[in-house]
N, C-alpha and C. Protein backbone atom coordinates (compact mmCIF):
# COMPACT_ATOMS: atom_id res chain seq x y z
N UNK A 1 135.97 81.57 97.38
CA UNK A 1 135.93 81.97 96.30
C UNK A 1 134.38 81.56 95.47
N UNK A 2 133.91 82.46 94.80
CA UNK A 2 132.51 82.63 94.18
C UNK A 2 132.50 81.88 93.05
N UNK A 3 131.35 81.15 92.77
CA UNK A 3 131.30 80.30 91.46
C UNK A 3 130.88 81.55 90.34
N UNK A 4 131.45 81.50 89.57
CA UNK A 4 131.19 82.67 88.32
C UNK A 4 129.97 82.14 87.79
N UNK A 5 129.27 80.97 87.61
CA UNK A 5 128.31 80.29 87.02
C UNK A 5 127.04 80.81 87.93
N UNK A 6 127.00 81.07 89.14
CA UNK A 6 126.24 81.66 89.91
C UNK A 6 125.84 83.22 89.71
N UNK A 7 124.54 83.51 89.63
CA UNK A 7 124.46 84.84 90.12
C UNK A 7 124.71 85.47 91.27
N UNK A 8 125.47 86.63 91.52
CA UNK A 8 126.09 87.28 92.64
C UNK A 8 124.59 87.52 93.45
N UNK A 9 124.93 87.28 94.73
CA UNK A 9 123.85 87.42 95.87
C UNK A 9 123.52 89.15 95.59
N UNK A 10 122.22 89.40 96.13
CA UNK A 10 121.88 90.59 96.11
C UNK A 10 121.36 91.22 97.44
N UNK A 11 121.67 92.35 97.53
CA UNK A 11 121.15 93.13 98.67
C UNK A 11 119.57 93.18 98.50
N UNK A 12 118.73 92.48 99.72
CA UNK A 12 117.45 92.55 99.51
C UNK A 12 116.97 93.77 100.70
N UNK A 13 115.91 94.24 99.93
CA UNK A 13 115.23 95.60 100.62
C UNK A 13 113.75 95.39 100.72
N UNK A 14 113.59 95.44 101.93
CA UNK A 14 112.03 94.82 102.52
C UNK A 14 111.41 96.38 102.66
N UNK A 15 110.51 96.61 101.68
CA UNK A 15 109.59 97.85 101.93
C UNK A 15 108.15 97.59 102.03
N UNK A 16 107.27 98.65 102.37
CA UNK A 16 105.87 98.79 102.42
C UNK A 16 105.39 99.55 101.28
N UNK A 17 105.06 98.29 100.45
CA UNK A 17 104.72 99.08 99.01
C UNK A 17 103.27 99.63 99.23
N UNK A 18 102.60 99.53 100.31
CA UNK A 18 101.10 100.02 100.63
C UNK A 18 101.22 101.55 100.78
N UNK A 19 102.53 101.61 101.33
CA UNK A 19 102.71 103.36 101.81
C UNK A 19 103.42 104.11 100.51
N UNK A 20 102.40 105.24 100.06
CA UNK A 20 102.95 105.92 98.66
C UNK A 20 104.16 106.65 99.11
N UNK A 21 104.70 106.89 100.07
CA UNK A 21 105.93 107.85 100.22
C UNK A 21 107.03 106.63 100.50
N UNK A 22 107.00 105.58 100.45
CA UNK A 22 107.95 104.23 100.68
C UNK A 22 108.06 104.07 99.14
N UNK A 23 106.78 103.75 98.63
CA UNK A 23 106.44 103.27 97.00
C UNK A 23 107.37 104.23 96.18
N UNK A 24 107.24 105.54 96.70
CA UNK A 24 107.94 106.35 95.78
C UNK A 24 109.45 106.48 95.81
N UNK A 25 110.00 106.36 96.81
CA UNK A 25 111.48 106.06 97.29
C UNK A 25 111.91 104.99 96.52
N UNK A 26 111.19 104.00 96.68
CA UNK A 26 111.66 102.78 95.89
C UNK A 26 111.73 102.69 94.61
N UNK A 27 110.91 103.52 94.06
CA UNK A 27 110.86 103.68 92.53
C UNK A 27 112.19 104.33 92.53
N UNK A 28 112.44 105.29 92.98
CA UNK A 28 113.90 106.22 92.78
C UNK A 28 114.82 105.18 92.66
N UNK A 29 114.89 104.11 94.03
CA UNK A 29 116.06 103.47 93.97
C UNK A 29 116.34 102.44 92.66
N UNK A 30 114.88 102.07 92.58
CA UNK A 30 115.04 101.04 91.18
C UNK A 30 115.56 101.66 90.09
N UNK A 31 114.95 103.06 89.73
CA UNK A 31 115.84 103.55 88.49
C UNK A 31 117.40 103.78 88.85
N UNK A 32 117.97 103.80 89.85
CA UNK A 32 119.18 104.10 90.09
C UNK A 32 120.13 102.86 90.02
N UNK A 33 119.06 101.72 90.29
CA UNK A 33 120.00 100.42 90.31
C UNK A 33 120.32 99.90 89.20
N UNK A 34 121.30 100.35 88.25
CA UNK A 34 121.66 100.16 87.19
C UNK A 34 122.62 98.87 87.06
N UNK A 35 123.23 98.22 88.07
CA UNK A 35 123.94 97.22 88.61
C UNK A 35 122.99 95.77 88.69
N UNK A 36 121.74 96.40 88.89
CA UNK A 36 120.80 95.14 89.43
C UNK A 36 121.38 94.55 90.68
N UNK A 37 121.43 95.33 91.86
CA UNK A 37 122.31 94.72 92.94
C UNK A 37 121.21 94.68 93.93
N UNK A 38 120.13 95.30 93.48
CA UNK A 38 118.96 95.39 94.64
C UNK A 38 117.70 94.16 94.38
N UNK A 39 117.44 93.46 95.43
CA UNK A 39 116.20 92.79 95.35
C UNK A 39 115.21 93.44 96.27
N UNK A 40 114.01 93.75 95.57
CA UNK A 40 113.07 94.40 96.36
C UNK A 40 111.98 93.55 96.69
N UNK A 41 111.30 93.56 97.97
CA UNK A 41 110.30 92.66 98.41
C UNK A 41 109.16 93.40 99.05
N UNK A 42 108.18 93.64 98.74
CA UNK A 42 107.11 94.55 99.13
C UNK A 42 106.50 93.71 100.28
N UNK A 43 106.51 94.15 101.45
CA UNK A 43 106.40 93.38 102.37
C UNK A 43 104.74 93.76 102.94
N UNK A 44 104.28 94.44 102.18
CA UNK A 44 102.54 94.78 102.49
C UNK A 44 101.79 93.66 101.35
N UNK A 45 102.58 93.06 100.45
CA UNK A 45 101.77 92.08 99.61
C UNK A 45 101.32 91.10 100.02
N UNK A 46 100.19 90.56 99.63
CA UNK A 46 99.48 89.51 100.44
C UNK A 46 100.43 87.85 100.49
N UNK A 47 101.48 87.86 99.68
CA UNK A 47 101.81 86.64 99.90
C UNK A 47 103.17 86.99 100.72
N UNK A 48 103.43 87.76 101.43
CA UNK A 48 104.41 87.88 102.26
C UNK A 48 104.00 87.71 103.54
N UNK A 49 104.73 86.85 103.95
CA UNK A 49 104.48 86.33 105.47
C UNK A 49 105.55 86.36 106.53
N UNK A 50 106.60 86.94 105.97
CA UNK A 50 107.93 87.03 106.54
C UNK A 50 109.03 85.64 106.34
N UNK A 51 109.79 85.51 107.11
CA UNK A 51 110.60 84.32 107.02
C UNK A 51 111.26 84.27 108.39
N UNK A 52 112.20 83.16 108.33
CA UNK A 52 113.04 82.80 109.77
C UNK A 52 113.50 84.16 110.41
N UNK A 53 114.11 85.09 109.47
CA UNK A 53 114.61 86.17 109.91
C UNK A 53 113.87 87.69 110.40
N UNK A 54 112.81 87.59 109.64
CA UNK A 54 111.85 88.81 109.94
C UNK A 54 110.24 88.58 109.66
N UNK A 55 109.40 88.96 110.58
CA UNK A 55 108.15 88.85 110.46
C UNK A 55 107.45 89.87 109.38
N UNK A 56 106.32 89.79 109.18
CA UNK A 56 105.49 90.86 108.03
C UNK A 56 105.60 92.26 109.27
N UNK A 57 104.85 91.98 110.53
CA UNK A 57 105.00 93.23 111.13
C UNK A 57 106.32 94.02 111.73
N UNK A 58 107.34 93.20 111.84
CA UNK A 58 108.66 93.93 111.86
C UNK A 58 108.95 94.63 110.39
N UNK A 59 108.47 93.88 109.45
CA UNK A 59 109.15 94.53 108.00
C UNK A 59 108.12 95.68 107.88
N UNK A 60 106.84 95.76 108.05
CA UNK A 60 106.23 96.82 108.05
C UNK A 60 106.40 98.16 108.88
N UNK A 61 106.87 97.75 110.20
CA UNK A 61 106.79 98.67 111.21
C UNK A 61 108.48 99.71 110.95
N UNK A 62 109.48 98.96 110.22
CA UNK A 62 110.74 99.71 109.75
C UNK A 62 111.19 99.22 109.01
N UNK A 63 112.16 100.11 107.98
CA UNK A 63 112.86 99.77 106.84
C UNK A 63 113.90 99.12 107.26
N UNK A 64 113.84 97.54 106.51
CA UNK A 64 115.09 96.42 106.89
C UNK A 64 115.51 95.93 105.26
N UNK A 65 116.65 95.59 105.58
CA UNK A 65 117.78 95.16 104.45
C UNK A 65 118.48 93.88 104.86
N UNK A 66 118.60 93.04 104.14
CA UNK A 66 119.21 92.02 104.24
C UNK A 66 120.54 91.97 103.41
N UNK A 67 121.55 92.00 103.85
CA UNK A 67 123.08 91.94 103.14
C UNK A 67 123.09 90.62 102.63
N UNK A 68 124.01 90.52 101.28
CA UNK A 68 124.20 89.54 100.83
C UNK A 68 124.77 88.05 101.67
N UNK A 69 125.36 88.45 102.59
CA UNK A 69 126.04 87.22 103.71
C UNK A 69 124.84 86.93 104.78
N UNK A 70 123.75 87.48 104.36
CA UNK A 70 122.70 86.91 105.50
C UNK A 70 122.08 88.01 106.59
N UNK A 71 123.46 88.84 107.01
CA UNK A 71 123.00 89.70 107.97
C UNK A 71 121.88 90.76 107.67
N UNK A 72 121.33 91.19 108.70
CA UNK A 72 120.10 91.88 108.29
C UNK A 72 120.36 93.37 108.97
N UNK A 73 120.03 94.35 108.60
CA UNK A 73 120.20 95.98 109.40
C UNK A 73 118.87 96.67 109.04
N UNK A 74 118.55 97.80 109.81
CA UNK A 74 117.36 98.19 109.59
C UNK A 74 117.72 99.84 110.00
N UNK A 75 116.53 100.66 109.55
CA UNK A 75 116.57 101.99 110.00
C UNK A 75 117.80 102.68 108.95
N UNK A 76 118.21 103.89 109.56
CA UNK A 76 119.21 104.48 108.87
C UNK A 76 120.17 103.70 108.46
N UNK A 77 120.81 102.68 108.99
CA UNK A 77 121.81 101.72 108.43
C UNK A 77 121.50 100.90 107.29
N UNK A 78 120.16 100.74 107.19
CA UNK A 78 119.68 100.08 106.07
C UNK A 78 119.63 100.82 104.72
N UNK A 79 119.43 102.17 104.97
CA UNK A 79 119.37 103.29 103.82
C UNK A 79 120.68 103.26 103.23
N UNK A 80 121.73 103.38 104.32
CA UNK A 80 122.88 103.41 103.98
C UNK A 80 123.68 102.40 103.17
N UNK A 81 123.16 101.23 103.70
CA UNK A 81 123.58 100.14 102.57
C UNK A 81 123.14 100.03 101.20
N UNK A 82 121.69 100.41 101.39
CA UNK A 82 121.29 100.67 99.94
C UNK A 82 121.84 101.88 98.83
N UNK A 83 122.12 103.13 99.56
CA UNK A 83 123.06 103.73 98.79
C UNK A 83 124.28 103.55 98.63
N UNK A 84 125.15 102.37 99.46
CA UNK A 84 126.37 102.21 99.03
C UNK A 84 126.56 101.31 97.80
N UNK A 85 125.30 100.65 97.33
CA UNK A 85 125.34 100.01 95.95
C UNK A 85 125.20 100.37 94.78
N UNK A 86 124.32 101.69 95.17
CA UNK A 86 123.80 102.43 93.88
C UNK A 86 124.86 103.54 93.49
N UNK A 87 125.39 103.34 92.50
CA UNK A 87 126.64 104.21 91.77
C UNK A 87 126.28 105.83 91.89
N UNK A 88 125.11 106.18 91.66
CA UNK A 88 124.98 107.57 91.95
C UNK A 88 124.45 107.98 92.95
N UNK A 89 124.21 106.93 93.93
CA UNK A 89 124.17 107.32 95.62
C UNK A 89 125.24 107.05 96.46
N UNK A 90 126.25 106.44 96.01
CA UNK A 90 127.47 105.94 96.64
C UNK A 90 128.14 107.29 97.70
N UNK A 91 127.97 108.41 96.73
CA UNK A 91 128.62 109.62 97.72
C UNK A 91 127.56 109.94 98.93
N UNK A 92 126.48 109.66 98.92
CA UNK A 92 125.60 109.67 99.88
C UNK A 92 126.06 108.88 101.11
N UNK A 93 126.37 107.64 100.78
CA UNK A 93 126.50 106.56 101.82
C UNK A 93 128.03 106.96 102.68
N UNK A 94 128.75 107.52 101.64
CA UNK A 94 130.33 107.90 102.32
C UNK A 94 129.82 109.10 103.27
N UNK A 95 129.29 109.91 102.97
CA UNK A 95 128.78 111.23 103.77
C UNK A 95 128.07 110.63 105.23
N UNK A 96 126.98 109.62 104.85
CA UNK A 96 126.35 109.25 105.76
C UNK A 96 127.24 108.31 106.81
N UNK A 97 128.38 107.68 106.66
CA UNK A 97 129.04 106.98 107.19
C UNK A 97 130.12 107.75 108.09
N UNK A 98 129.93 108.95 107.76
CA UNK A 98 130.89 110.09 108.75
C UNK A 98 130.49 109.71 110.00
N UNK A 99 131.51 109.47 110.85
CA UNK A 99 131.30 109.65 112.41
C UNK A 99 130.39 110.44 112.93
N UNK A 100 129.30 110.14 113.50
CA UNK A 100 128.05 110.74 114.22
C UNK A 100 127.04 111.02 113.23
N UNK A 101 127.00 110.91 112.02
CA UNK A 101 126.40 111.13 110.58
C UNK A 101 125.07 110.07 110.81
N UNK A 102 125.25 108.63 110.77
CA UNK A 102 124.54 107.79 110.97
C UNK A 102 123.91 107.88 112.37
N UNK A 103 124.14 108.09 113.09
CA UNK A 103 123.44 108.35 114.56
C UNK A 103 122.50 109.29 114.34
N UNK A 104 123.09 110.22 113.80
CA UNK A 104 121.80 111.53 113.86
C UNK A 104 120.80 111.20 112.64
N UNK A 105 121.21 110.52 111.72
CA UNK A 105 119.98 109.94 110.69
C UNK A 105 119.04 108.95 111.27
N UNK A 106 119.93 108.13 112.20
CA UNK A 106 118.77 107.16 112.82
C UNK A 106 117.84 107.73 113.72
N UNK A 107 118.33 108.81 114.65
CA UNK A 107 117.44 109.67 115.24
C UNK A 107 116.23 110.37 114.49
N UNK A 108 116.73 111.08 113.37
CA UNK A 108 115.82 111.47 112.53
C UNK A 108 114.83 110.35 111.89
N UNK A 109 115.26 109.26 111.69
CA UNK A 109 114.10 108.45 111.13
C UNK A 109 113.48 107.95 112.21
N UNK A 110 113.96 107.68 113.48
CA UNK A 110 113.13 107.30 114.60
C UNK A 110 111.80 108.45 114.80
N UNK A 111 112.39 109.76 114.82
CA UNK A 111 111.33 110.61 114.88
C UNK A 111 110.25 110.53 113.78
N UNK A 112 110.61 110.20 112.62
CA UNK A 112 109.87 110.06 111.32
C UNK A 112 109.08 109.19 111.50
N UNK A 113 108.99 107.90 111.85
CA UNK A 113 108.30 106.77 111.87
C UNK A 113 107.02 107.01 112.31
N UNK A 114 106.72 107.64 113.65
CA UNK A 114 105.19 107.76 114.02
C UNK A 114 104.49 108.97 113.02
N UNK A 115 105.20 109.64 112.46
CA UNK A 115 104.39 110.53 111.55
C UNK A 115 104.16 110.23 109.87
N UNK A 116 105.00 108.93 109.81
CA UNK A 116 104.89 108.58 108.32
C UNK A 116 103.46 108.06 108.03
N UNK A 117 102.73 107.51 108.72
CA UNK A 117 101.23 107.27 108.33
C UNK A 117 100.55 108.48 107.90
N UNK A 118 100.69 109.58 108.82
CA UNK A 118 99.97 110.90 108.43
C UNK A 118 100.39 111.40 107.03
N UNK A 119 101.83 111.32 106.76
CA UNK A 119 102.34 111.87 105.58
C UNK A 119 101.87 110.79 104.26
N UNK A 120 101.92 109.65 104.77
CA UNK A 120 101.27 108.64 103.66
C UNK A 120 99.75 108.77 103.31
N UNK A 121 99.03 109.43 104.27
CA UNK A 121 97.57 109.55 103.96
C UNK A 121 97.27 110.84 103.38
N UNK A 122 97.90 111.86 103.66
CA UNK A 122 98.24 113.29 102.89
C UNK A 122 98.45 112.84 101.49
N UNK A 123 99.36 111.80 101.28
CA UNK A 123 99.98 111.61 99.67
C UNK A 123 98.78 111.15 98.76
N UNK A 124 98.10 110.02 99.89
CA UNK A 124 96.97 109.13 99.17
C UNK A 124 95.58 110.36 98.53
N UNK A 125 95.61 111.08 99.58
CA UNK A 125 94.37 112.18 99.36
C UNK A 125 94.75 113.01 98.35
N UNK A 126 96.31 113.42 98.17
CA UNK A 126 96.54 114.37 97.10
C UNK A 126 96.18 113.68 95.98
N UNK A 127 96.70 112.08 95.87
CA UNK A 127 96.58 111.45 94.54
C UNK A 127 95.23 111.45 94.23
N UNK A 128 94.25 111.16 94.90
CA UNK A 128 92.88 111.22 94.68
C UNK A 128 92.36 112.37 94.03
N UNK A 129 93.09 113.51 94.33
CA UNK A 129 92.31 114.91 94.11
C UNK A 129 93.12 114.99 92.54
N UNK A 130 94.18 114.77 92.40
CA UNK A 130 94.66 114.62 91.25
C UNK A 130 94.08 113.92 89.93
N UNK A 131 93.26 112.67 90.56
CA UNK A 131 92.76 111.60 89.72
C UNK A 131 91.20 112.23 89.19
N UNK A 132 91.08 113.01 90.01
CA UNK A 132 89.78 113.69 89.63
C UNK A 132 89.63 114.71 88.93
N UNK A 133 91.12 115.45 88.67
CA UNK A 133 90.87 116.67 87.64
C UNK A 133 90.95 116.30 86.20
């Protein structure tokens, strides 16, 4: 039984705030988090060094989520867990949990990871151009 005087534990989302693509996606999730079910941790921040469950290097290399019960997941499964707690995204989590879809999403995510720095660099360059105008 949970104590009604204690705030409910949240899903902890570890993300790379130095990546403009990642930061943009997290902003979308923050706006959708009407129930404040997510706790966001920028693993690129100077003060983040990791904990007993995850190092900064691990957190920067791949999207990670810690469930309220302490279990941790990453990659496509992590995104599915985030989508599950966001009311406006719940339908996406249901679709993604369809047999075979999560595996496909994980494959896509693994293919995306090596090109993420290139996309992030392009986004940074584009933002610099916009600031000069």
